[in-house]
Amino acid sequence: MQRRSHMKQRALELDEQGYRTIHDIPEDVPLGPIADRQRGAVQENRIIVEPTLTKALEAFARPIAFIDFETVSLPIPVWNGGHPYDNVPVQFSCHVQDENGDITHHEWLADGPADPRPELAERLTVESFAIDPDFSPGKFDESFGLMDDPAQTIRIRFAPKVADFLREREWHPTQTIEDLADGSVVLSMRAGGLNEIVSWILFWGDAPKVLEPPAPDRSGFRSPERGPETIRG
C-alpha cells in the first residue's frame, strides 16, 4: 500500500513537470531502481539484463519457484486481523524449475467469500519445515523493509507540498516528525536497509533532502544500476 501511494505521488509529480509517458522522462530525472530499469528498457527498446544477475542467481539451489500473485485491497476489512486497504492475496501462478531444468506449473484462484489466506498457504506449502529456534522476528524491528542491515539514524526534510501526505502514515516504528516554520517537515528514524530507504526516497522526486547521515557517510545511498544517486542533501 505504501509503495503504491509513493508511485502514484511520483507519477503525479512527473505529470505536473510535463512528462506524459515514460518515453519523455530524461535520464537525469531520478527514479527508483526498478523504474529506472523500466525507463531504459522502454526508451532503448530492449530487454535489460543486469550483468550481475548470473552471479546473483548462483546462490539459489533448485528447485526454484517463480510466483506471480494478485491481491485485493478492501477499504473495510471482512476477514479477521485485517486493516483498511491491506493487500490480501486471492490468486497465484507458480512455475517450479527442478534439478533437471524441467518446469511445472501450479495455479490457484480464490472462490467464495471465505478468507483466502489459509487456503493460499496450504496450496503454496509443498513440505513442512521447522523454524530455527534462534530466529526472532524482533531482529527486523529496526528494518525499513525486509533487509536485516545495521540500523542508523536517518533524517530527511520534506518539502511543504508533500508534508500533509507524509504526516498521515507511520513509515517506521521509530519515526518522529518535526514541523518547520516554512511548512516543510523533518522525518527522523533509526532504521536499517539502505537500499529500500533509497528506493523510498526516490519515489518522492525532488521533495526530500537528506540531512543525516552526513554526506561523507552516505556510501549506502546508491542504486545498484546507476551508482550514486542524485539524492539532494
Protein backbone atom coordinates (compact mmCIF):
# COMPACT_ATOMS: atom_id res chain seq x y z
CA MET A 1 0.00 0.00 0.00
CA GLN A 2 2.78 2.45 0.89
CA ARG A 3 4.72 1.69 -2.28
CA ARG A 4 1.58 2.11 -4.39
CA SER A 5 0.92 5.51 -2.78
CA HIS A 6 4.53 6.59 -3.43
CA MET A 7 4.28 5.54 -7.07
CA LYS A 8 1.05 7.46 -7.54
CA GLN A 9 2.53 10.56 -5.90
CA ARG A 10 5.64 10.32 -8.08
CA ALA A 11 3.55 9.83 -11.24
CA LEU A 12 1.55 12.96 -10.44
CA GLU A 13 4.73 14.96 -9.91
CA LEU A 14 6.17 13.81 -13.24
CA ASP A 15 2.90 14.67 -14.98
CA GLU A 16 2.98 18.17 -13.47
CA GLN A 17 6.52 18.56 -14.83
CA GLY A 18 5.24 17.83 -18.35
CA TYR A 19 6.29 14.19 -18.71
CA ARG A 20 3.33 12.35 -20.23
CA THR A 21 4.84 8.91 -20.90
CA ILE A 22 7.95 7.01 -19.86
CA HIS A 23 9.43 7.92 -23.26
CA ASP A 24 9.51 11.58 -22.17
CA ILE A 25 11.49 11.14 -18.93
CA PRO A 26 15.18 12.06 -19.45
CA GLU A 27 17.93 10.03 -17.83
CA ASP A 28 18.88 12.77 -15.34
CA VAL A 29 15.44 12.65 -13.68
CA PRO A 30 15.91 10.38 -10.62
CA LEU A 31 13.74 7.26 -10.42
CA GLY A 32 13.78 4.21 -8.20
CA PRO A 33 15.93 1.24 -9.33
CA ILE A 34 13.02 -0.70 -10.85
CA ALA A 35 11.50 2.32 -12.59
CA ASP A 36 14.95 3.31 -13.86
CA ARG A 37 15.39 -0.13 -15.43
CA GLN A 38 11.93 0.11 -16.99
CA ARG A 39 12.72 3.52 -18.44
CA GLY A 40 15.89 2.17 -20.04
CA ALA A 41 14.13 -0.87 -21.46
CA VAL A 42 11.31 1.17 -23.00
CA GLN A 43 13.43 4.02 -24.36
CA GLU A 44 16.10 1.70 -25.78
CA ASN A 45 13.53 -0.90 -26.93
CA ARG A 46 15.43 -3.82 -25.46
CA ILE A 47 15.37 -6.31 -22.61
CA ILE A 48 17.75 -5.22 -19.86
CA VAL A 49 19.58 -7.99 -18.02
CA GLU A 50 21.96 -6.66 -15.39
CA PRO A 51 25.50 -8.10 -15.71
CA THR A 52 25.41 -9.14 -12.06
CA LEU A 53 22.28 -11.29 -12.50
CA THR A 54 24.06 -14.57 -13.33
CA LYS A 55 26.25 -14.41 -10.25
CA ALA A 56 23.32 -13.41 -8.07
CA LEU A 57 21.31 -16.42 -9.24
CA GLU A 58 24.11 -18.85 -8.39
CA ALA A 59 23.09 -18.65 -4.73
CA PHE A 60 19.72 -20.29 -5.46
CA ALA A 61 19.63 -24.08 -5.47
CA ARG A 62 16.96 -25.90 -7.47
CA PRO A 63 14.09 -26.49 -7.27
CA ILE A 64 13.28 -22.80 -7.71
CA ALA A 65 9.75 -21.42 -7.64
CA PHE A 66 8.70 -18.32 -9.59
CA ILE A 67 5.50 -16.89 -8.14
CA ASP A 68 3.17 -14.24 -9.54
CA PHE A 69 0.19 -13.26 -7.42
CA GLU A 70 -2.72 -10.84 -7.34
CA THR A 71 -4.34 -9.17 -4.34
CA VAL A 72 -7.46 -7.27 -3.35
CA SER A 73 -7.42 -4.19 -1.10
CA LEU A 74 -10.71 -3.68 0.67
CA PRO A 75 -11.46 -0.34 2.39
CA ILE A 76 -13.50 -2.20 5.04
CA PRO A 77 -11.80 -5.45 6.18
CA VAL A 78 -14.02 -8.52 6.08
CA TRP A 79 -11.59 -11.12 7.46
CA ASN A 80 -10.06 -11.39 10.93
CA GLY A 81 -6.86 -9.48 11.58
CA GLY A 82 -7.28 -7.21 8.57
CA HIS A 83 -6.81 -3.47 8.25
CA PRO A 84 -8.24 -1.00 5.72
CA TYR A 85 -6.63 -1.45 2.31
CA ASP A 86 -4.47 -4.40 3.37
CA ASN A 87 -3.26 -6.36 0.35
CA VAL A 88 -4.83 -9.83 0.59
CA PRO A 89 -3.67 -12.42 -1.98
CA VAL A 90 -6.50 -14.10 -3.91
CA GLN A 91 -4.69 -15.69 -6.84
CA PHE A 92 -1.28 -17.05 -7.75
CA SER A 93 0.58 -18.65 -10.62
CA CYS A 94 3.72 -20.61 -9.77
CA HIS A 95 6.31 -22.13 -12.11
CA VAL A 96 8.75 -24.55 -10.48
CA GLN A 97 12.07 -25.44 -12.11
CA ASP A 98 13.52 -28.75 -10.89
CA GLU A 99 17.11 -30.01 -10.76
CA ASN A 100 16.94 -31.07 -14.43
CA GLY A 101 15.63 -27.73 -15.64
CA ASP A 102 12.11 -29.04 -16.26
CA ILE A 103 9.28 -26.66 -15.36
CA THR A 104 5.89 -27.47 -13.88
CA HIS A 105 3.06 -25.00 -13.37
CA HIS A 106 0.70 -24.63 -10.40
CA GLU A 107 -2.15 -22.16 -10.08
CA TRP A 108 -4.89 -21.21 -7.66
CA LEU A 109 -7.80 -18.75 -7.61
CA ALA A 110 -9.89 -17.96 -4.54
CA ASP A 111 -13.55 -18.95 -4.83
CA GLY A 112 -16.28 -17.79 -2.47
CA PRO A 113 -16.48 -15.34 0.45
CA ALA A 114 -14.19 -17.23 2.89
CA ASP A 115 -10.82 -15.84 3.99
CA PRO A 116 -8.46 -16.87 1.15
CA ARG A 117 -5.25 -16.74 3.18
CA PRO A 118 -5.37 -20.18 4.87
CA GLU A 119 -6.00 -22.00 1.60
CA LEU A 120 -3.33 -19.92 -0.13
CA ALA A 121 -0.79 -21.04 2.48
CA GLU A 122 -1.81 -24.70 2.07
CA ARG A 123 -1.54 -24.52 -1.72
CA LEU A 124 1.90 -22.91 -1.64
CA THR A 125 3.41 -25.16 1.03
CA VAL A 126 4.84 -28.32 -0.52
CA GLU A 127 6.64 -29.65 2.53
CA SER A 128 6.76 -28.99 6.26
CA PHE A 129 9.67 -27.23 7.91
CA ALA A 130 10.79 -26.28 11.38
CA ILE A 131 11.52 -22.70 12.36
CA ASP A 132 15.07 -22.10 13.51
CA PRO A 133 14.85 -21.93 17.33
CA ASP A 134 17.29 -19.00 17.29
CA PHE A 135 15.11 -16.98 14.91
CA SER A 136 13.25 -13.99 16.33
CA PRO A 137 11.05 -11.60 14.34
CA GLY A 138 12.34 -8.88 16.64
CA LYS A 139 15.59 -8.78 14.66
CA PHE A 140 13.66 -6.88 11.97
CA ASP A 141 12.16 -4.29 14.33
CA GLU A 142 14.54 -1.59 13.10
CA SER A 143 14.49 -2.65 9.45
CA PHE A 144 12.81 -0.30 7.00
CA GLY A 145 11.64 -3.28 4.96
CA LEU A 146 12.92 -6.84 4.73
CA MET A 147 16.68 -6.26 4.76
CA ASP A 148 18.41 -7.01 8.05
CA ASP A 149 21.06 -4.29 7.84
CA PRO A 150 22.53 -2.42 10.81
CA ALA A 151 20.30 0.47 11.83
CA GLN A 152 21.45 4.06 11.65
CA THR A 153 19.91 7.45 12.23
CA ILE A 154 18.12 8.82 9.15
CA ARG A 155 16.82 12.40 8.96
CA ILE A 156 15.07 13.68 5.84
CA ARG A 157 13.50 17.06 5.23
CA PHE A 158 10.39 17.00 3.01
CA ALA A 159 9.04 19.99 1.11
CA PRO A 160 5.69 21.56 2.12
CA LYS A 161 3.93 20.09 -0.95
CA VAL A 162 4.14 16.56 0.50
CA ALA A 163 4.08 17.39 4.21
CA ASP A 164 0.39 16.56 4.77
CA PHE A 165 0.69 13.24 2.99
CA LEU A 166 3.81 12.35 4.97
CA ARG A 167 2.12 13.04 8.31
CA GLU A 168 -0.79 10.70 7.53
CA ARG A 169 1.20 7.48 7.85
CA GLU A 170 3.60 5.65 10.07
CA TRP A 171 6.57 4.91 7.83
CA HIS A 172 8.66 3.30 10.58
CA PRO A 173 8.00 2.46 14.25
CA THR A 174 10.84 4.72 15.43
CA GLN A 175 9.82 7.77 13.41
CA THR A 176 9.32 11.28 14.69
CA ILE A 177 8.05 14.15 12.54
CA GLU A 178 9.06 17.76 13.20
CA ASP A 179 7.04 20.60 11.66
CA LEU A 180 9.10 23.55 10.43
CA ALA A 181 8.02 27.17 10.07
CA ASP A 182 8.08 27.13 6.26
CA GLY A 183 5.60 24.23 6.10
CA SER A 184 8.18 21.53 5.49
CA VAL A 185 8.72 18.61 7.86
CA VAL A 186 11.70 16.60 9.05
CA LEU A 187 11.23 12.85 9.37
CA SER A 188 13.67 11.17 11.74
CA MET A 189 14.01 7.43 12.32
CA ARG A 190 16.56 4.80 13.21
CA ALA A 191 16.37 2.16 10.54
CA GLY A 192 18.35 -0.36 8.52
CA GLY A 193 18.00 -1.44 4.90
CA LEU A 194 19.55 1.42 2.94
CA ASN A 195 18.64 0.08 -0.50
CA GLU A 196 14.98 0.07 0.48
CA ILE A 197 15.28 3.51 2.06
CA VAL A 198 16.89 4.87 -1.12
CA SER A 199 14.07 3.49 -3.28
CA TRP A 200 11.53 5.06 -0.95
CA ILE A 201 13.28 8.45 -1.02
CA LEU A 202 13.46 8.46 -4.81
CA PHE A 203 9.73 7.91 -5.14
CA TRP A 204 9.24 11.39 -3.64
CA GLY A 205 11.04 13.12 -6.53
CA ASP A 206 12.55 16.47 -5.61
CA ALA A 207 10.61 16.80 -2.33
CA PRO A 208 13.14 15.18 0.07
CA LYS A 209 16.54 16.42 1.21
CA VAL A 210 18.70 14.04 3.24
CA LEU A 211 20.02 15.71 6.38
CA GLU A 212 21.53 12.69 8.09
CA PRO A 213 23.74 10.75 7.70
CA PRO A 214 26.19 13.48 6.65
CA ALA A 215 27.28 13.42 3.02
CA PRO A 216 30.60 11.56 3.57
CA ASP A 217 28.72 8.75 5.32
CA ARG A 218 26.19 8.12 2.57
CA SER A 219 28.04 5.32 0.81
CA GLY A 220 24.92 3.17 1.13
CA PHE A 221 22.73 5.70 -0.64
CA ARG A 222 23.19 4.35 -4.14
CA SER A 223 21.33 2.39 -6.76
CA PRO A 224 22.86 -0.90 -7.96
CA GLU A 225 22.03 0.08 -11.55
CA ARG A 226 23.06 3.72 -11.59
CA GLY A 227 25.78 4.11 -8.98
CA PRO A 228 25.48 7.08 -6.57
CA GLU A 229 22.02 8.54 -6.74
CA THR A 230 21.14 12.19 -7.17
CA ILE A 231 19.55 12.46 -3.74
CA ARG A 232 19.60 16.01 -2.51
CA GLY A 233 21.50 16.63 0.68
